[in-house]
N, C-alpha and C. Protein backbone atom coordinates (compact mmCIF):
# COMPACT_ATOMS: atom_id res chain seq x y z
N UNK A 1 -12.52 37.32 -43.40
CA UNK A 1 -12.22 38.22 -42.30
C UNK A 1 -13.00 39.52 -42.48
N UNK A 2 -13.63 39.97 -41.43
CA UNK A 2 -14.37 41.23 -41.42
C UNK A 2 -13.60 42.27 -40.62
N UNK A 3 -13.82 43.53 -40.97
CA UNK A 3 -13.32 44.65 -40.19
C UNK A 3 -14.50 45.35 -39.55
N UNK A 4 -14.31 45.86 -38.35
CA UNK A 4 -15.34 46.64 -37.68
C UNK A 4 -14.70 47.66 -36.77
N UNK A 5 -15.28 48.85 -36.73
CA UNK A 5 -14.85 49.92 -35.83
C UNK A 5 -15.97 50.04 -34.80
N UNK A 6 -15.74 49.51 -33.63
CA UNK A 6 -16.79 49.35 -32.63
C UNK A 6 -16.85 50.57 -31.71
N UNK A 7 -18.00 51.27 -31.78
CA UNK A 7 -18.29 52.41 -30.91
C UNK A 7 -19.63 52.14 -30.22
N UNK A 8 -19.93 52.92 -29.20
CA UNK A 8 -21.24 52.78 -28.55
C UNK A 8 -21.41 51.41 -27.94
N UNK A 9 -20.34 50.93 -27.33
CA UNK A 9 -20.35 49.55 -26.86
C UNK A 9 -19.82 49.45 -25.43
N UNK A 10 -20.29 50.34 -24.57
CA UNK A 10 -19.79 50.33 -23.19
C UNK A 10 -20.15 49.03 -22.47
N UNK A 11 -21.17 48.31 -22.95
CA UNK A 11 -21.56 47.05 -22.33
C UNK A 11 -20.87 45.83 -22.94
N UNK A 12 -20.02 46.08 -23.93
CA UNK A 12 -19.27 44.99 -24.55
C UNK A 12 -17.83 45.11 -24.06
N UNK A 13 -17.38 44.09 -23.33
CA UNK A 13 -16.00 44.16 -22.83
C UNK A 13 -15.06 43.38 -23.76
N UNK A 14 -13.79 43.59 -23.56
CA UNK A 14 -12.80 42.95 -24.41
C UNK A 14 -12.94 41.43 -24.39
N UNK A 15 -13.28 40.87 -23.24
CA UNK A 15 -13.42 39.42 -23.13
C UNK A 15 -14.56 38.90 -24.00
N UNK A 16 -15.66 39.68 -24.10
CA UNK A 16 -16.76 39.30 -24.99
C UNK A 16 -16.25 39.10 -26.41
N UNK A 17 -15.33 39.96 -26.80
CA UNK A 17 -14.78 39.92 -28.16
C UNK A 17 -13.76 38.80 -28.32
N UNK A 18 -12.82 38.72 -27.40
CA UNK A 18 -11.77 37.71 -27.55
C UNK A 18 -12.33 36.29 -27.40
N UNK A 19 -13.43 36.14 -26.67
CA UNK A 19 -14.08 34.83 -26.59
C UNK A 19 -14.60 34.37 -27.95
N UNK A 20 -14.82 35.32 -28.85
CA UNK A 20 -15.25 35.00 -30.23
C UNK A 20 -14.06 34.96 -31.19
N UNK A 21 -12.85 34.94 -30.64
CA UNK A 21 -11.62 34.94 -31.46
C UNK A 21 -11.47 36.21 -32.29
N UNK A 22 -12.06 37.30 -31.82
CA UNK A 22 -11.95 38.58 -32.49
C UNK A 22 -10.67 39.25 -32.01
N UNK A 23 -9.92 39.78 -32.96
CA UNK A 23 -8.66 40.46 -32.65
C UNK A 23 -8.94 41.95 -32.48
N UNK A 24 -8.55 42.50 -31.34
CA UNK A 24 -8.63 43.94 -31.10
C UNK A 24 -7.33 44.53 -31.62
N UNK A 25 -7.40 45.15 -32.78
CA UNK A 25 -6.22 45.70 -33.45
C UNK A 25 -5.71 46.92 -32.70
N UNK A 26 -6.65 47.75 -32.25
CA UNK A 26 -6.29 49.00 -31.58
C UNK A 26 -7.48 49.51 -30.79
N UNK A 27 -7.17 50.22 -29.70
CA UNK A 27 -8.18 50.96 -28.95
C UNK A 27 -7.88 52.44 -29.11
N UNK A 28 -8.92 53.23 -29.35
CA UNK A 28 -8.73 54.67 -29.49
C UNK A 28 -8.83 55.34 -28.12
N UNK A 29 -8.49 56.61 -28.08
CA UNK A 29 -8.59 57.38 -26.83
C UNK A 29 -10.02 57.40 -26.30
N UNK A 30 -11.00 57.32 -27.21
CA UNK A 30 -12.40 57.35 -26.81
C UNK A 30 -12.95 55.96 -26.50
N UNK A 31 -12.05 54.96 -26.41
CA UNK A 31 -12.41 53.58 -26.08
C UNK A 31 -13.12 52.83 -27.21
N UNK A 32 -13.10 53.41 -28.41
CA UNK A 32 -13.57 52.64 -29.56
C UNK A 32 -12.53 51.57 -29.85
N UNK A 33 -12.97 50.50 -30.50
CA UNK A 33 -12.06 49.39 -30.79
C UNK A 33 -12.10 49.06 -32.27
N UNK A 34 -10.92 48.88 -32.85
CA UNK A 34 -10.76 48.47 -34.23
C UNK A 34 -10.57 46.96 -34.22
N UNK A 35 -11.46 46.27 -34.93
CA UNK A 35 -11.54 44.82 -34.81
C UNK A 35 -11.33 44.09 -36.12
N UNK A 36 -10.76 42.90 -36.02
CA UNK A 36 -10.73 41.94 -37.12
C UNK A 36 -11.50 40.71 -36.64
N UNK A 37 -12.54 40.38 -37.40
CA UNK A 37 -13.47 39.32 -37.00
C UNK A 37 -13.36 38.16 -37.97
N UNK A 38 -13.02 36.96 -37.49
CA UNK A 38 -13.00 35.81 -38.40
C UNK A 38 -14.38 35.57 -39.01
N UNK A 39 -14.41 35.25 -40.29
CA UNK A 39 -15.69 35.06 -40.99
C UNK A 39 -16.59 34.06 -40.30
N UNK A 40 -16.00 33.01 -39.74
CA UNK A 40 -16.83 31.98 -39.10
C UNK A 40 -17.40 32.44 -37.76
N UNK A 41 -17.00 33.60 -37.27
CA UNK A 41 -17.49 34.13 -35.99
C UNK A 41 -18.45 35.31 -36.18
N UNK A 42 -18.79 35.64 -37.42
CA UNK A 42 -19.57 36.86 -37.66
C UNK A 42 -20.98 36.76 -37.05
N UNK A 43 -21.59 35.60 -37.06
CA UNK A 43 -22.94 35.48 -36.47
C UNK A 43 -22.89 35.74 -34.96
N UNK A 44 -21.87 35.25 -34.29
CA UNK A 44 -21.71 35.53 -32.87
C UNK A 44 -21.49 37.01 -32.60
N UNK A 45 -20.71 37.66 -33.47
CA UNK A 45 -20.48 39.10 -33.34
C UNK A 45 -21.79 39.86 -33.54
N UNK A 46 -22.55 39.51 -34.56
CA UNK A 46 -23.83 40.19 -34.81
C UNK A 46 -24.76 40.04 -33.61
N UNK A 47 -24.81 38.85 -33.03
CA UNK A 47 -25.66 38.65 -31.85
C UNK A 47 -25.19 39.49 -30.67
N UNK A 48 -23.89 39.61 -30.50
CA UNK A 48 -23.32 40.44 -29.43
C UNK A 48 -23.72 41.91 -29.63
N UNK A 49 -23.61 42.39 -30.85
CA UNK A 49 -23.98 43.78 -31.18
C UNK A 49 -25.47 44.00 -30.93
N UNK A 50 -26.28 43.10 -31.41
CA UNK A 50 -27.74 43.23 -31.22
C UNK A 50 -28.09 43.31 -29.73
N UNK A 51 -27.43 42.50 -28.95
CA UNK A 51 -27.78 42.40 -27.53
C UNK A 51 -27.20 43.56 -26.70
N UNK A 52 -25.94 43.90 -26.93
CA UNK A 52 -25.25 44.77 -25.98
C UNK A 52 -24.88 46.17 -26.48
N UNK A 53 -25.06 46.46 -27.77
CA UNK A 53 -24.73 47.79 -28.25
C UNK A 53 -25.66 48.82 -27.59
N UNK A 54 -25.11 49.96 -27.27
CA UNK A 54 -25.85 51.04 -26.63
C UNK A 54 -26.90 51.59 -27.60
N UNK A 55 -28.15 51.77 -27.16
CA UNK A 55 -29.14 52.41 -28.03
C UNK A 55 -28.67 53.79 -28.48
N UNK A 56 -28.99 54.13 -29.72
CA UNK A 56 -28.58 55.41 -30.29
C UNK A 56 -27.27 55.32 -31.05
N UNK A 57 -26.80 54.10 -31.31
CA UNK A 57 -25.56 53.88 -32.05
C UNK A 57 -25.81 52.88 -33.18
N UNK A 58 -24.83 52.74 -34.02
CA UNK A 58 -24.84 51.68 -35.00
C UNK A 58 -23.45 51.08 -35.08
N UNK A 59 -23.40 49.93 -35.68
CA UNK A 59 -22.12 49.28 -35.95
C UNK A 59 -22.15 48.81 -37.39
N UNK A 60 -21.02 49.01 -38.06
CA UNK A 60 -20.87 48.45 -39.38
C UNK A 60 -19.72 47.46 -39.35
N UNK A 61 -19.81 46.47 -40.20
CA UNK A 61 -18.73 45.51 -40.37
C UNK A 61 -18.72 45.16 -41.84
N UNK A 62 -17.53 44.92 -42.34
CA UNK A 62 -17.40 44.77 -43.78
C UNK A 62 -16.34 43.76 -44.14
N UNK A 63 -16.56 43.17 -45.28
CA UNK A 63 -15.56 42.33 -45.91
C UNK A 63 -15.53 42.72 -47.38
N UNK A 64 -14.85 41.94 -48.22
CA UNK A 64 -14.71 42.33 -49.62
C UNK A 64 -16.02 42.17 -50.39
N UNK A 65 -17.02 41.54 -49.80
CA UNK A 65 -18.28 41.30 -50.50
C UNK A 65 -19.40 42.25 -50.12
N UNK A 66 -19.37 42.81 -48.92
CA UNK A 66 -20.51 43.62 -48.47
C UNK A 66 -20.15 44.47 -47.25
N UNK A 67 -20.90 45.57 -47.11
CA UNK A 67 -20.83 46.42 -45.93
C UNK A 67 -22.16 46.25 -45.20
N UNK A 68 -22.10 45.77 -43.97
CA UNK A 68 -23.28 45.48 -43.17
C UNK A 68 -23.45 46.56 -42.09
N UNK A 69 -24.69 46.88 -41.78
CA UNK A 69 -25.01 47.83 -40.71
C UNK A 69 -26.02 47.21 -39.77
N UNK A 70 -25.80 47.43 -38.48
CA UNK A 70 -26.81 47.16 -37.46
C UNK A 70 -27.00 48.47 -36.70
N UNK A 71 -28.19 49.02 -36.80
CA UNK A 71 -28.55 50.24 -36.07
C UNK A 71 -29.37 49.83 -34.85
N UNK A 72 -29.05 50.44 -33.72
CA UNK A 72 -29.88 50.28 -32.53
C UNK A 72 -30.40 51.67 -32.20
N UNK A 73 -31.65 51.90 -32.55
CA UNK A 73 -32.25 53.22 -32.36
C UNK A 73 -32.38 53.54 -30.88
N UNK A 74 -32.65 54.79 -30.60
CA UNK A 74 -32.71 55.24 -29.21
C UNK A 74 -33.77 54.50 -28.40
N UNK A 75 -34.81 54.02 -29.09
CA UNK A 75 -35.86 53.25 -28.40
C UNK A 75 -35.53 51.76 -28.31
N UNK A 76 -34.33 51.37 -28.77
CA UNK A 76 -33.90 49.99 -28.71
C UNK A 76 -34.22 49.16 -29.94
N UNK A 77 -35.02 49.73 -30.86
CA UNK A 77 -35.36 49.02 -32.09
C UNK A 77 -34.11 48.77 -32.93
N UNK A 78 -34.02 47.58 -33.49
CA UNK A 78 -32.90 47.21 -34.36
C UNK A 78 -33.31 47.31 -35.81
N UNK A 79 -32.39 47.83 -36.63
CA UNK A 79 -32.56 47.84 -38.09
C UNK A 79 -31.26 47.35 -38.68
N UNK A 80 -31.36 46.41 -39.63
CA UNK A 80 -30.17 45.82 -40.21
C UNK A 80 -30.21 45.94 -41.73
N UNK A 81 -29.04 46.21 -42.30
CA UNK A 81 -28.93 46.42 -43.75
C UNK A 81 -27.63 45.84 -44.27
N UNK A 82 -27.65 45.47 -45.54
CA UNK A 82 -26.45 45.28 -46.33
C UNK A 82 -26.45 46.45 -47.30
N UNK A 83 -25.45 47.30 -47.23
CA UNK A 83 -25.41 48.54 -48.00
C UNK A 83 -25.51 48.27 -49.49
N UNK A 84 -26.42 49.00 -50.14
CA UNK A 84 -26.59 48.92 -51.59
C UNK A 84 -27.08 50.28 -52.08
N UNK A 85 -26.99 50.55 -53.37
CA UNK A 85 -27.54 51.81 -53.87
C UNK A 85 -29.03 51.97 -53.56
N UNK A 86 -29.74 50.86 -53.44
CA UNK A 86 -31.18 50.92 -53.18
C UNK A 86 -31.51 51.37 -51.76
N UNK A 87 -30.65 51.07 -50.78
CA UNK A 87 -30.96 51.46 -49.40
C UNK A 87 -30.00 52.51 -48.84
N UNK A 88 -29.12 53.01 -49.68
CA UNK A 88 -28.11 53.96 -49.22
C UNK A 88 -28.72 55.23 -48.63
N UNK A 89 -29.80 55.73 -49.22
CA UNK A 89 -30.45 56.94 -48.71
C UNK A 89 -31.03 56.71 -47.31
N UNK A 90 -31.63 55.55 -47.11
CA UNK A 90 -32.19 55.23 -45.78
C UNK A 90 -31.07 55.11 -44.74
N UNK A 91 -29.96 54.48 -45.11
CA UNK A 91 -28.82 54.37 -44.20
C UNK A 91 -28.25 55.74 -43.90
N UNK A 92 -28.14 56.59 -44.94
CA UNK A 92 -27.68 57.97 -44.75
C UNK A 92 -28.55 58.69 -43.72
N UNK A 93 -29.86 58.55 -43.83
CA UNK A 93 -30.77 59.22 -42.90
C UNK A 93 -30.61 58.71 -41.47
N UNK A 94 -30.42 57.42 -41.31
CA UNK A 94 -30.22 56.87 -39.97
C UNK A 94 -28.89 57.33 -39.37
N UNK A 95 -27.83 57.34 -40.17
CA UNK A 95 -26.53 57.84 -39.69
C UNK A 95 -26.65 59.29 -39.25
N UNK A 96 -27.30 60.10 -40.09
CA UNK A 96 -27.47 61.52 -39.77
C UNK A 96 -28.29 61.70 -38.50
N UNK A 97 -29.37 60.95 -38.38
CA UNK A 97 -30.22 61.05 -37.19
C UNK A 97 -29.45 60.72 -35.91
N UNK A 98 -28.70 59.63 -35.94
CA UNK A 98 -27.98 59.21 -34.73
C UNK A 98 -26.77 60.09 -34.43
N UNK A 99 -26.25 60.78 -35.45
CA UNK A 99 -25.13 61.71 -35.26
C UNK A 99 -25.59 63.15 -35.07
N UNK A 100 -26.90 63.37 -35.08
CA UNK A 100 -27.45 64.73 -35.00
C UNK A 100 -26.86 65.64 -36.07
N UNK A 101 -26.83 65.14 -37.30
CA UNK A 101 -26.32 65.89 -38.44
C UNK A 101 -27.40 65.97 -39.50
N UNK A 102 -27.27 66.91 -40.42
CA UNK A 102 -28.27 66.98 -41.49
C UNK A 102 -28.15 65.78 -42.44
N UNK A 103 -29.29 65.26 -42.87
CA UNK A 103 -29.28 64.17 -43.85
C UNK A 103 -28.62 64.68 -45.12
N UNK A 104 -27.96 63.81 -45.82
CA UNK A 104 -27.27 64.19 -47.04
C UNK A 104 -25.78 64.37 -46.85
N UNK A 105 -25.35 64.65 -45.62
CA UNK A 105 -23.93 64.83 -45.36
C UNK A 105 -23.16 63.54 -45.67
N UNK A 106 -23.83 62.43 -45.46
CA UNK A 106 -23.21 61.13 -45.71
C UNK A 106 -23.90 60.42 -46.87
N UNK A 107 -24.39 61.19 -47.85
CA UNK A 107 -25.19 60.63 -48.93
C UNK A 107 -24.48 59.48 -49.64
N UNK A 108 -23.18 59.60 -49.87
CA UNK A 108 -22.42 58.48 -50.41
C UNK A 108 -21.87 57.72 -49.21
N UNK A 109 -22.62 56.74 -48.76
CA UNK A 109 -22.25 56.02 -47.55
C UNK A 109 -20.95 55.24 -47.75
N UNK A 110 -20.70 54.76 -48.97
CA UNK A 110 -19.44 54.07 -49.23
C UNK A 110 -18.26 55.01 -48.98
N UNK A 111 -18.37 56.26 -49.44
CA UNK A 111 -17.31 57.24 -49.20
C UNK A 111 -17.22 57.57 -47.71
N UNK A 112 -18.35 57.75 -47.09
CA UNK A 112 -18.40 58.05 -45.66
C UNK A 112 -17.65 56.97 -44.86
N UNK A 113 -17.91 55.72 -45.15
CA UNK A 113 -17.23 54.62 -44.46
C UNK A 113 -15.73 54.63 -44.77
N UNK A 114 -15.38 54.94 -46.02
CA UNK A 114 -13.97 54.93 -46.40
C UNK A 114 -13.18 56.06 -45.76
N UNK A 115 -13.86 57.08 -45.24
CA UNK A 115 -13.17 58.18 -44.55
C UNK A 115 -12.61 57.74 -43.20
N UNK A 116 -13.06 56.62 -42.69
CA UNK A 116 -12.51 56.07 -41.45
C UNK A 116 -11.13 55.48 -41.76
N UNK A 117 -10.12 55.93 -41.05
CA UNK A 117 -8.75 55.49 -41.35
C UNK A 117 -8.58 53.97 -41.25
N UNK A 118 -9.34 53.32 -40.40
CA UNK A 118 -9.23 51.87 -40.25
C UNK A 118 -9.74 51.13 -41.49
N UNK A 119 -10.72 51.73 -42.18
CA UNK A 119 -11.32 51.11 -43.34
C UNK A 119 -10.74 51.59 -44.67
N UNK A 120 -10.09 52.74 -44.67
CA UNK A 120 -9.80 53.45 -45.92
C UNK A 120 -9.14 52.58 -47.00
N UNK A 121 -8.01 51.99 -46.71
CA UNK A 121 -7.29 51.22 -47.73
C UNK A 121 -8.11 50.03 -48.21
N UNK A 122 -8.76 49.35 -47.29
CA UNK A 122 -9.61 48.21 -47.64
C UNK A 122 -10.75 48.65 -48.56
N UNK A 123 -11.40 49.74 -48.21
CA UNK A 123 -12.52 50.25 -49.01
C UNK A 123 -12.05 50.67 -50.40
N UNK A 124 -10.89 51.33 -50.47
CA UNK A 124 -10.39 51.75 -51.77
C UNK A 124 -10.04 50.54 -52.64
N UNK A 125 -9.61 49.48 -52.04
CA UNK A 125 -9.27 48.27 -52.79
C UNK A 125 -10.53 47.56 -53.31
N UNK A 126 -11.56 47.47 -52.47
CA UNK A 126 -12.72 46.64 -52.81
C UNK A 126 -13.96 47.42 -53.26
N UNK A 127 -14.02 48.71 -52.95
CA UNK A 127 -15.25 49.48 -53.23
C UNK A 127 -14.97 50.80 -53.94
N UNK A 128 -13.84 50.91 -54.59
CA UNK A 128 -13.42 52.18 -55.20
C UNK A 128 -14.48 52.74 -56.17
N UNK A 129 -15.07 51.89 -56.98
CA UNK A 129 -16.08 52.36 -57.94
C UNK A 129 -17.26 53.00 -57.22
N UNK A 130 -17.67 52.45 -56.11
CA UNK A 130 -18.82 53.01 -55.38
C UNK A 130 -18.44 54.29 -54.64
N UNK A 131 -17.20 54.39 -54.23
CA UNK A 131 -16.73 55.59 -53.54
C UNK A 131 -16.62 56.76 -54.50
N UNK A 132 -16.10 56.50 -55.68
CA UNK A 132 -15.78 57.57 -56.63
C UNK A 132 -16.89 57.86 -57.64
N UNK A 133 -18.05 57.32 -57.46
CA UNK A 133 -19.13 57.55 -58.43
C UNK A 133 -19.67 58.95 -58.35
């Protein structure tokens, strides 16, 4: 099972998600959606994100083994990563660029992700060493 906090997805409707057996745990006031994605449906979810996510946003999804990112740059270019110490700086720069924030604010991307209330307990259980380094 994967968790994802879906933002920047005005072209993705609830039916797109439920057709993939994705559970919408909660909708926020800003129309973001907190999702639980069955592992066997993750490829369908990734394709949906690649196709319909709004340019200038990213989506992350995570399980106990990895934190995945799909960035859709403002020009529509896609960049995909599995978070690691080797690419963390590049992911930090992309997050900062798309949020119009200074690079380095999210230097510990594991901690940055864990600051999201939907991910916090899960991240502390599975990624505590990377958060607290």
